[in-house]
Amino acid sequence: MSQATAKNPAKQTRLARLRAALGQGALRSAQRQLSSLHPSEIAQLLESLPPAQRDVVWEFVDPDIEGEVLVELSDAVRDDLISEMEPAELVAATEGLQVDDLADLVADLPENVTQQLLRSMDHADRERLNRVLAWPEDSAGGLMNTDTISLRADVSVEVVLRYLRMRGELPKRTDSLFIVDTRNKYLGAAPLTNLLTADPDASVASVMDADVPRIAPGMPAHDVTQLFRSRDLVSAAVVDNEGQLLGRITVDDVVDVISEEAAHEVMSMAGLSDEEDIFAGVLVSTKRRLVWLGINLLTAFLASLVVKQFEGTIARVAALATLMPIVASMGGIAGTQTVTLIVRGLALGQIQWANARWLLFKEIAVGAANGLIWALVVGAVTVSWFGTYRIAFIIAAAMLVNLLAAAIVGVVVPLTLRRLRIDPALAAGVILTTFTDCIGFATLLGLGTLFLL
């Protein structure tokens, strides 16, 4: 959402004016401005307000679009608002939502509200909802919507066009109609452009594309995004192992997944949840950040233990203490560059164990080249500072070793974490920092002990 806002000055201006009205206490003006916003814009506004103003704005939201706004919100903000809503209000808010959006919302509703919601739905809608809820949220089945239009292959194009005119409205983001047999087994898709330009007397089978991708309901959401990206899809059919058409996934659902994955990568690097509410209370935010701060402290103690083993060396050669931050910093930055590339490659499906060996050797070569270049630079600066070539040699050697280690750790750690089913975006940075600090300090101080004492 933030990228869209940055590229839409008009939208940014509207939100800025609304925030200004709230800040000045001009509530009537704020209410009028709010009525002109799209549900996604209202959700963005709510997420950018402190809790007190957030509650005021939520009171101004039209009840008819409350459900659409809730779907657009992050989990943390949504949970806070839902906790303050009455059961009847929540049930009313869900009316008219698409099945995939409703499935996302149901998981966050209180049990009694969920039961009321299910009782208020007719049998067909309840079955469609259960069909989506049967699959994990981060799978194709969890993303799919059941609002499909299916056709028989033997009907004529003219009959199809007449049916569409009688229907009057198509589901959003419909670019193809799905072809099934009499047992609802998926055969292919007929693009609307083909139907509109074909001979009216031609059969649907003649304009059908049988090779269009079909998606298994158990396919991970990440793989779905890769398929849409590589094939430039607007929609795709979800088909089970028996060939039954279950529903469809549309590009708007895929864009949501891509946005969530991007937010997850950025926030995970800092040990935070991608659903973090930046305006949450102090105690809530403190508890959420304690864990990774504690883990980082443990790794810092580990690096300190390495340094402690060379207390005598540091006491006798104070210059090494001055140079220690340089070695640690350069190793950390080099390793972070490698980790970022590997995590991105894993996320895009570009890296597997089959090509990891080539990538490892390539990163080692890059680390060696950078290590040699910056070792010479740091060595020259060290000579000018301390007037001794022995210390310059030691810092240059430590720099080279640490950049090589950073390259190896930067490749191996994310791949190993992925193999262990641990999110590399979340844990790789902490492990990398520990390795580069310990190796850098041990190399610098170890060489100092050997050659200077």
Protein backbone atom coordinates (compact mmCIF):
# COMPACT_ATOMS: atom_id res chain seq x y z
CA MET A 1 0.00 0.00 0.00
CA SER A 2 2.80 2.41 0.80
CA GLN A 3 4.31 2.06 -2.68
CA ALA A 4 0.94 2.75 -4.26
CA THR A 5 0.55 5.85 -2.15
CA ALA A 6 4.00 7.11 -3.05
CA LYS A 7 3.13 6.80 -6.73
CA ASN A 8 -0.30 8.47 -6.29
CA PRO A 9 0.15 12.11 -5.17
CA ALA A 10 -3.61 12.78 -5.27
CA LYS A 11 -4.27 9.94 -2.85
CA GLN A 12 -1.43 11.07 -0.61
CA THR A 13 -2.86 14.60 -0.54
CA ARG A 14 -6.34 13.35 0.40
CA LEU A 15 -4.95 11.33 3.31
CA ALA A 16 -2.78 14.26 4.43
CA ARG A 17 -5.79 16.61 4.44
CA LEU A 18 -7.82 14.11 6.43
CA ARG A 19 -5.06 13.68 9.01
CA ALA A 20 -4.79 17.46 9.29
CA ALA A 21 -8.54 17.76 9.90
CA LEU A 22 -8.32 15.15 12.64
CA GLY A 23 -5.37 16.93 14.22
CA GLN A 24 -7.28 20.22 14.26
CA GLY A 25 -10.39 18.59 15.73
CA ALA A 26 -12.47 19.34 12.61
CA LEU A 27 -14.44 16.10 12.91
CA ARG A 28 -17.27 16.99 10.52
CA SER A 29 -14.80 17.86 7.80
CA ALA A 30 -12.92 14.63 8.50
CA GLN A 31 -16.14 12.62 8.26
CA ARG A 32 -17.03 14.16 4.88
CA GLN A 33 -13.54 13.49 3.54
CA LEU A 34 -13.62 9.92 4.82
CA SER A 35 -16.76 9.14 2.83
CA SER A 36 -14.86 9.75 -0.43
CA LEU A 37 -12.09 7.25 0.31
CA HIS A 38 -11.80 3.68 -0.96
CA PRO A 39 -11.86 0.95 1.74
CA SER A 40 -8.14 0.29 1.18
CA GLU A 41 -7.39 4.00 1.69
CA ILE A 42 -9.42 4.03 4.91
CA ALA A 43 -7.48 0.98 6.09
CA GLN A 44 -4.19 2.74 5.34
CA LEU A 45 -5.38 5.81 7.24
CA LEU A 46 -6.39 3.72 10.26
CA GLU A 47 -2.99 2.02 10.35
CA SER A 48 -1.26 5.42 10.31
CA LEU A 49 -3.14 6.87 13.31
CA PRO A 50 -2.54 6.58 17.06
CA PRO A 51 -5.16 4.44 18.86
CA ALA A 52 -7.28 7.37 20.11
CA GLN A 53 -7.69 8.91 16.64
CA ARG A 54 -8.12 5.46 15.14
CA ASP A 55 -11.20 4.84 17.29
CA VAL A 56 -12.69 8.20 16.22
CA VAL A 57 -12.19 7.47 12.52
CA TRP A 58 -13.62 3.96 12.86
CA GLU A 59 -16.85 5.47 14.22
CA PHE A 60 -17.14 7.51 11.00
CA VAL A 61 -16.75 4.53 8.65
CA ASP A 62 -19.90 3.62 6.74
CA PRO A 63 -21.24 0.31 8.17
CA ASP A 64 -21.80 -0.92 4.61
CA ILE A 65 -18.04 -1.01 3.95
CA GLU A 66 -16.76 -1.95 7.41
CA GLY A 67 -16.14 -5.54 6.28
CA GLU A 68 -14.10 -4.41 3.25
CA VAL A 69 -12.01 -2.13 5.46
CA LEU A 70 -11.38 -4.90 8.01
CA VAL A 71 -10.13 -7.22 5.25
CA GLU A 72 -7.57 -4.60 4.16
CA LEU A 73 -6.16 -4.02 7.66
CA SER A 74 -3.12 -5.67 9.20
CA ASP A 75 -3.88 -8.42 11.72
CA ALA A 76 -2.86 -6.35 14.75
CA VAL A 77 -5.06 -3.35 13.91
CA ARG A 78 -7.93 -5.58 12.79
CA ASP A 79 -7.86 -7.53 16.06
CA ASP A 80 -8.04 -4.32 18.08
CA LEU A 81 -11.06 -3.04 16.16
CA ILE A 82 -12.88 -6.39 16.18
CA SER A 83 -12.45 -6.65 19.96
CA GLU A 84 -14.47 -3.43 20.35
CA MET A 85 -17.31 -4.37 17.96
CA GLU A 86 -20.62 -5.96 18.93
CA PRO A 87 -21.41 -9.44 17.52
CA ALA A 88 -24.36 -8.15 15.49
CA GLU A 89 -22.17 -5.39 14.04
CA LEU A 90 -19.52 -7.93 13.01
CA VAL A 91 -22.06 -10.20 11.34
CA ALA A 92 -23.50 -7.24 9.43
CA ALA A 93 -20.01 -6.15 8.36
CA THR A 94 -19.35 -9.50 6.68
CA GLU A 95 -22.43 -9.36 4.45
CA GLY A 96 -21.57 -9.08 0.77
CA LEU A 97 -17.89 -9.97 1.16
CA GLN A 98 -16.35 -12.28 -1.42
CA VAL A 99 -15.70 -15.80 -0.18
CA ASP A 100 -11.89 -15.47 -0.17
CA ASP A 101 -12.08 -12.19 1.77
CA LEU A 102 -14.60 -13.69 4.17
CA ALA A 103 -12.33 -16.68 4.77
CA ASP A 104 -9.49 -14.31 5.72
CA LEU A 105 -11.74 -12.49 8.18
CA VAL A 106 -13.43 -15.50 9.79
CA ALA A 107 -10.21 -16.69 11.40
CA ASP A 108 -10.03 -13.46 13.43
CA LEU A 109 -13.68 -13.40 14.55
CA PRO A 110 -14.82 -14.57 18.00
CA GLU A 111 -16.28 -18.08 18.01
CA ASN A 112 -19.83 -16.92 18.81
CA VAL A 113 -19.70 -14.41 15.93
CA THR A 114 -18.45 -17.09 13.54
CA GLN A 115 -21.36 -19.34 14.49
CA GLN A 116 -23.86 -16.52 13.97
CA LEU A 117 -22.29 -15.74 10.60
CA LEU A 118 -22.50 -19.35 9.43
CA ARG A 119 -26.14 -19.59 10.52
CA SER A 120 -26.97 -16.42 8.59
CA MET A 121 -25.56 -17.82 5.32
CA ASP A 122 -27.51 -19.98 2.88
CA HIS A 123 -26.36 -23.54 2.25
CA ALA A 124 -24.56 -22.78 -1.04
CA ASP A 125 -22.56 -19.88 0.43
CA ARG A 126 -21.70 -21.93 3.51
CA GLU A 127 -20.39 -24.74 1.33
CA ARG A 128 -18.27 -22.33 -0.70
CA LEU A 129 -16.81 -20.83 2.46
CA ASN A 130 -16.04 -24.26 3.94
CA ARG A 131 -14.35 -25.23 0.68
CA VAL A 132 -11.91 -22.31 1.06
CA LEU A 133 -11.45 -22.75 4.81
CA ALA A 134 -10.49 -26.40 4.27
CA TRP A 135 -7.12 -25.26 2.90
CA PRO A 136 -4.28 -23.43 4.69
CA GLU A 137 -4.36 -19.65 4.39
CA ASP A 138 -0.98 -19.60 2.61
CA SER A 139 -2.00 -22.12 -0.06
CA ALA A 140 -3.76 -21.78 -3.40
CA GLY A 141 -6.92 -23.23 -1.84
CA GLY A 142 -6.84 -20.56 0.84
CA LEU A 143 -6.41 -17.81 -1.79
CA MET A 144 -9.04 -18.98 -4.23
CA ASN A 145 -12.49 -17.56 -4.78
CA THR A 146 -15.42 -19.68 -5.88
CA ASP A 147 -17.07 -17.02 -8.09
CA THR A 148 -16.34 -18.82 -11.36
CA ILE A 149 -18.30 -19.01 -14.60
CA SER A 150 -18.08 -22.42 -16.24
CA LEU A 151 -19.21 -23.52 -19.70
CA ARG A 152 -19.63 -26.72 -21.67
CA ALA A 153 -17.31 -27.22 -24.61
CA ASP A 154 -20.06 -28.17 -27.06
CA VAL A 155 -22.16 -24.98 -26.81
CA SER A 156 -21.78 -22.23 -29.40
CA VAL A 157 -20.12 -18.89 -28.87
CA GLU A 158 -23.43 -17.16 -29.64
CA VAL A 159 -25.15 -19.01 -26.78
CA VAL A 160 -22.36 -18.01 -24.40
CA LEU A 161 -22.57 -14.34 -25.37
CA ARG A 162 -26.34 -14.38 -25.00
CA TYR A 163 -25.96 -15.92 -21.54
CA LEU A 164 -23.43 -13.28 -20.49
CA ARG A 165 -25.74 -10.47 -21.62
CA MET A 166 -28.61 -12.01 -19.64
CA ARG A 167 -26.36 -12.37 -16.61
CA GLY A 168 -25.52 -8.67 -16.83
CA GLU A 169 -22.46 -8.70 -14.57
CA LEU A 170 -19.25 -10.70 -14.44
CA PRO A 171 -17.16 -11.46 -11.36
CA LYS A 172 -14.37 -8.94 -10.89
CA ARG A 173 -11.15 -9.50 -12.84
CA THR A 174 -12.71 -12.07 -15.16
CA ASP A 175 -10.54 -12.48 -18.24
CA SER A 176 -11.46 -16.09 -19.06
CA LEU A 177 -14.37 -18.46 -18.66
CA PHE A 178 -13.61 -22.02 -17.55
CA ILE A 179 -14.61 -25.04 -19.60
CA VAL A 180 -15.82 -28.18 -17.79
CA ASP A 181 -17.50 -31.44 -18.76
CA THR A 182 -20.78 -32.75 -17.39
CA ARG A 183 -19.01 -33.94 -14.21
CA ASN A 184 -17.41 -30.53 -13.56
CA LYS A 185 -13.98 -31.77 -14.66
CA TYR A 186 -11.80 -28.93 -15.84
CA LEU A 187 -10.90 -28.95 -19.55
CA GLY A 188 -9.43 -25.51 -20.18
CA ALA A 189 -10.24 -21.82 -20.41
CA ALA A 190 -11.84 -19.62 -23.04
CA PRO A 191 -10.40 -16.06 -22.98
CA LEU A 192 -13.07 -13.38 -23.28
CA THR A 193 -11.17 -11.81 -26.18
CA ASN A 194 -11.48 -15.09 -28.12
CA LEU A 195 -15.20 -15.33 -27.39
CA LEU A 196 -15.85 -11.74 -28.49
CA THR A 197 -13.96 -12.08 -31.78
CA ALA A 198 -14.88 -15.66 -32.73
CA ASP A 199 -17.54 -16.74 -35.25
CA PRO A 200 -20.85 -16.83 -33.31
CA ASP A 201 -21.59 -20.28 -34.76
CA ALA A 202 -18.25 -21.73 -33.61
CA SER A 203 -18.19 -24.02 -30.61
CA VAL A 204 -16.58 -23.05 -27.33
CA ALA A 205 -14.15 -25.94 -27.84
CA SER A 206 -12.71 -24.15 -30.88
CA VAL A 207 -11.67 -21.10 -28.83
CA MET A 208 -10.63 -23.01 -25.70
CA ASP A 209 -7.04 -22.99 -24.50
CA ALA A 210 -6.37 -26.41 -23.00
CA ASP A 211 -2.78 -25.60 -22.05
CA VAL A 212 -3.58 -22.68 -19.74
CA PRO A 213 -2.03 -23.26 -16.27
CA ARG A 214 -4.14 -25.00 -13.67
CA ILE A 215 -3.26 -24.71 -10.00
CA ALA A 216 -3.47 -27.45 -7.39
CA PRO A 217 -5.21 -26.27 -4.20
CA GLY A 218 -2.26 -27.34 -2.07
CA MET A 219 0.29 -25.24 -4.00
CA PRO A 220 2.05 -22.77 -1.65
CA ALA A 221 0.97 -19.17 -2.08
CA HIS A 222 4.55 -18.19 -2.89
CA ASP A 223 4.63 -20.62 -5.83
CA VAL A 224 1.31 -19.22 -7.05
CA THR A 225 2.84 -15.73 -7.21
CA GLN A 226 5.78 -17.08 -9.20
CA LEU A 227 3.42 -18.74 -11.68
CA PHE A 228 1.39 -15.55 -12.15
CA ARG A 229 4.57 -13.52 -12.60
CA SER A 230 6.19 -15.86 -15.09
CA ARG A 231 3.03 -16.41 -17.17
CA ASP A 232 1.57 -12.87 -16.85
CA LEU A 233 -1.74 -14.28 -15.62
CA VAL A 234 -4.81 -12.31 -14.59
CA SER A 235 -6.65 -15.34 -13.27
CA ALA A 236 -6.15 -19.09 -13.12
CA ALA A 237 -8.30 -22.10 -12.28
CA VAL A 238 -7.81 -24.10 -9.09
CA VAL A 239 -8.25 -27.78 -9.87
CA ASP A 240 -8.01 -30.73 -7.47
CA ASN A 241 -6.32 -34.10 -8.03
CA GLU A 242 -9.49 -35.54 -9.55
CA GLY A 243 -9.67 -32.73 -12.09
CA GLN A 244 -12.62 -31.00 -10.41
CA LEU A 245 -12.84 -27.23 -10.80
CA LEU A 246 -12.81 -25.75 -7.28
CA GLY A 247 -12.47 -22.02 -7.94
CA ARG A 248 -10.07 -19.43 -9.29
CA ILE A 249 -7.27 -17.17 -8.13
CA THR A 250 -7.09 -13.62 -9.45
CA VAL A 251 -4.19 -11.21 -9.73
CA ASP A 252 -5.41 -8.97 -6.89
CA ASP A 253 -5.01 -11.89 -4.47
CA VAL A 254 -1.50 -12.49 -5.83
CA VAL A 255 -0.56 -8.83 -5.39
CA ASP A 256 -1.64 -9.07 -1.74
CA VAL A 257 0.64 -12.08 -1.24
CA ILE A 258 3.57 -10.31 -2.90
CA SER A 259 3.06 -7.25 -0.66
CA GLU A 260 2.90 -9.44 2.44
CA GLU A 261 6.06 -11.31 1.43
CA ALA A 262 7.91 -8.05 0.84
CA ALA A 263 6.84 -6.70 4.23
CA HIS A 264 7.78 -9.99 5.85
CA GLU A 265 11.32 -9.91 4.43
CA VAL A 266 11.94 -6.34 5.58
CA MET A 267 10.49 -6.79 9.07
CA SER A 268 12.02 -10.23 9.61
CA MET A 269 15.51 -8.84 9.08
CA ALA A 270 14.91 -6.86 12.29
CA GLY A 271 13.22 -9.74 14.10
CA LEU A 272 9.78 -8.08 13.88
CA SER A 273 6.42 -9.37 12.72
CA ASP A 274 5.25 -8.15 9.32
CA GLU A 275 1.88 -7.42 10.98
CA GLU A 276 3.50 -5.12 13.55
CA ASP A 277 1.31 -2.14 14.47
CA ILE A 278 3.70 0.81 14.65
CA PHE A 279 1.20 2.69 16.83
CA ALA A 280 0.73 -0.14 19.33
CA GLY A 281 1.15 0.64 23.02
CA VAL A 282 4.54 0.74 24.72
CA LEU A 283 4.07 -2.51 26.67
CA VAL A 284 2.82 -4.43 23.62
CA SER A 285 5.69 -3.23 21.43
CA THR A 286 8.22 -3.93 24.18
CA LYS A 287 7.09 -7.55 24.57
CA ARG A 288 7.19 -8.15 20.81
CA ARG A 289 10.79 -6.97 20.55
CA LEU A 290 12.21 -8.60 23.67
CA VAL A 291 12.86 -12.02 22.16
CA TRP A 292 15.15 -11.02 19.31
CA LEU A 293 16.90 -8.40 21.39
CA GLY A 294 17.66 -11.17 23.89
CA ILE A 295 18.95 -13.47 21.14
CA ASN A 296 21.12 -10.68 19.81
CA LEU A 297 22.50 -10.05 23.31
CA LEU A 298 23.52 -13.71 23.61
CA THR A 299 25.39 -13.53 20.31
CA ALA A 300 27.08 -10.32 21.45
CA PHE A 301 28.25 -12.09 24.61
CA LEU A 302 29.68 -14.85 22.42
CA ALA A 303 31.73 -12.30 20.44
CA SER A 304 32.83 -10.73 23.73
CA LEU A 305 34.06 -14.09 24.97
CA VAL A 306 36.27 -14.37 21.90
CA VAL A 307 37.74 -10.93 22.60
CA LYS A 308 38.22 -11.82 26.29
CA GLN A 309 40.61 -14.62 25.33
CA PHE A 310 43.00 -11.99 23.98
CA GLU A 311 42.89 -9.45 26.82
CA GLY A 312 46.66 -9.59 27.21
CA THR A 313 47.22 -8.89 23.52
CA ILE A 314 44.88 -5.88 23.56
CA ALA A 315 46.51 -4.52 26.72
CA ARG A 316 49.98 -4.66 25.16
CA VAL A 317 49.02 -3.61 21.62
CA ALA A 318 46.31 -0.95 22.00
CA ALA A 319 46.26 -0.33 18.22
CA LEU A 320 44.39 -3.61 17.73
CA ALA A 321 41.47 -2.32 19.83
CA THR A 322 41.25 0.67 17.48
CA LEU A 323 41.11 -1.59 14.41
CA MET A 324 38.65 -4.21 15.73
CA PRO A 325 35.47 -2.30 14.71
CA ILE A 326 36.75 -2.00 11.13
CA VAL A 327 37.13 -5.77 10.72
CA ALA A 328 33.73 -6.53 12.28
CA SER A 329 31.92 -3.83 10.31
CA MET A 330 33.35 -4.82 6.90
CA GLY A 331 32.60 -8.49 7.51
CA GLY A 332 29.05 -7.71 8.62
CA ILE A 333 28.30 -5.51 5.60
CA ALA A 334 29.79 -8.00 3.12
CA GLY A 335 27.86 -10.86 4.70
CA THR A 336 24.62 -8.89 4.73
CA GLN A 337 24.98 -8.19 1.01
CA THR A 338 25.38 -11.91 0.31
CA VAL A 339 22.55 -12.94 2.66
CA THR A 340 20.20 -10.41 1.06
CA LEU A 341 20.92 -11.74 -2.42
CA ILE A 342 20.46 -15.37 -1.32
CA VAL A 343 17.24 -14.71 0.59
CA ARG A 344 15.85 -12.84 -2.41
CA GLY A 345 16.90 -15.66 -4.75
CA LEU A 346 15.20 -18.20 -2.49
CA ALA A 347 12.04 -16.09 -2.39
CA LEU A 348 11.96 -15.87 -6.20
CA GLY A 349 12.65 -19.58 -6.62
CA GLN A 350 15.94 -18.90 -8.41
CA ILE A 351 18.16 -20.83 -5.98
CA GLN A 352 18.07 -24.54 -5.19
CA TRP A 353 20.70 -26.94 -3.89
CA ALA A 354 21.46 -27.87 -7.52
CA ASN A 355 22.94 -24.45 -8.33
CA ALA A 356 24.07 -23.55 -4.79
CA ARG A 357 27.64 -24.87 -5.28
CA TRP A 358 28.27 -22.59 -8.26
CA LEU A 359 26.82 -19.67 -6.31
CA LEU A 360 29.01 -20.45 -3.30
CA PHE A 361 32.21 -20.44 -5.40
CA LYS A 362 31.12 -17.22 -7.10
CA GLU A 363 30.52 -15.46 -3.77
CA ILE A 364 33.86 -16.72 -2.43
CA ALA A 365 35.56 -15.24 -5.49
CA VAL A 366 33.74 -11.93 -4.98
CA GLY A 367 34.69 -11.98 -1.28
CA ALA A 368 38.32 -12.65 -2.14
CA ALA A 369 38.42 -9.82 -4.69
CA ASN A 370 36.78 -7.33 -2.33
CA GLY A 371 38.93 -8.60 0.53
CA LEU A 372 42.17 -8.01 -1.36
CA ILE A 373 41.13 -4.53 -2.50
CA TRP A 374 40.01 -3.30 0.92
CA ALA A 375 42.84 -5.10 2.73
CA LEU A 376 45.30 -3.02 0.73
CA VAL A 377 43.36 0.17 1.47
CA VAL A 378 43.08 -0.53 5.20
CA GLY A 379 46.72 -1.65 5.34
CA ALA A 380 47.85 1.62 3.78
CA VAL A 381 45.76 3.67 6.22
CA THR A 382 47.13 1.62 9.13
CA VAL A 383 50.73 2.34 8.07
CA SER A 384 49.96 6.07 7.95
CA TRP A 385 48.32 5.92 11.41
CA PHE A 386 50.74 3.72 13.36
CA GLY A 387 53.86 3.74 11.22
CA THR A 388 54.32 -0.06 11.30
CA TYR A 389 53.97 -2.62 8.56
CA ARG A 390 53.41 -5.54 10.94
CA ILE A 391 50.07 -4.16 12.21
CA ALA A 392 49.12 -3.25 8.62
CA PHE A 393 49.78 -6.85 7.54
CA ILE A 394 47.68 -8.21 10.42
CA ILE A 395 44.65 -5.98 9.77
CA ALA A 396 44.87 -6.69 6.01
CA ALA A 397 44.98 -10.46 6.60
CA ALA A 398 42.09 -10.28 9.10
CA MET A 399 40.04 -8.24 6.62
CA LEU A 400 40.62 -10.79 3.84
CA VAL A 401 39.78 -13.77 6.05
CA ASN A 402 36.62 -12.14 7.40
CA LEU A 403 35.27 -11.20 3.97
CA LEU A 404 35.87 -14.76 2.75
CA ALA A 405 34.10 -16.10 5.84
CA ALA A 406 31.23 -13.65 5.30
CA ALA A 407 30.78 -14.92 1.73
CA ILE A 408 30.67 -18.57 2.83
CA VAL A 409 28.35 -17.95 5.78
CA GLY A 410 26.14 -15.66 3.68
CA VAL A 411 25.44 -18.50 1.23
CA VAL A 412 25.44 -21.56 3.48
CA VAL A 413 23.35 -20.24 6.40
CA PRO A 414 20.20 -19.19 4.43
CA LEU A 415 20.26 -22.44 2.44
CA THR A 416 20.65 -24.52 5.59
CA LEU A 417 17.87 -22.64 7.37
CA ARG A 418 15.57 -23.19 4.39
CA ARG A 419 16.39 -26.92 4.45
CA LEU A 420 15.52 -26.95 8.18
CA ARG A 421 12.24 -25.14 7.41
CA ILE A 422 13.34 -22.04 9.33
CA ASP A 423 12.66 -18.66 7.75
CA PRO A 424 16.08 -17.43 6.52
CA ALA A 425 14.90 -13.82 6.46
CA LEU A 426 14.22 -14.04 10.19
CA ALA A 427 17.30 -15.87 11.48
CA ALA A 428 20.11 -15.52 8.94
CA GLY A 429 21.11 -11.99 9.97
CA VAL A 430 21.68 -12.86 13.62
CA ILE A 431 23.72 -15.97 12.77
CA LEU A 432 25.74 -14.05 10.17
CA THR A 433 26.64 -11.27 12.62
CA THR A 434 27.78 -13.80 15.20
CA PHE A 435 30.04 -15.61 12.73
CA THR A 436 31.61 -12.50 11.19
CA ASP A 437 32.24 -10.85 14.57
CA CYS A 438 33.77 -13.96 16.11
CA ILE A 439 35.88 -14.86 13.06
CA GLY A 440 37.01 -11.26 12.54
CA PHE A 441 38.00 -10.71 16.17
CA ALA A 442 39.66 -14.13 16.50
CA THR A 443 41.68 -13.60 13.31
CA LEU A 444 42.81 -10.08 14.14
CA LEU A 445 43.71 -10.77 17.76
CA GLY A 446 45.12 -14.23 17.05
CA LEU A 447 47.48 -12.87 14.40
CA GLY A 448 48.36 -10.04 16.77
CA THR A 449 49.30 -12.54 19.48
CA LEU A 450 51.47 -14.51 17.03
CA PHE A 451 53.37 -11.64 15.42
CA LEU A 452 53.37 -8.76 17.89
CA LEU A 453 54.04 -10.40 21.27
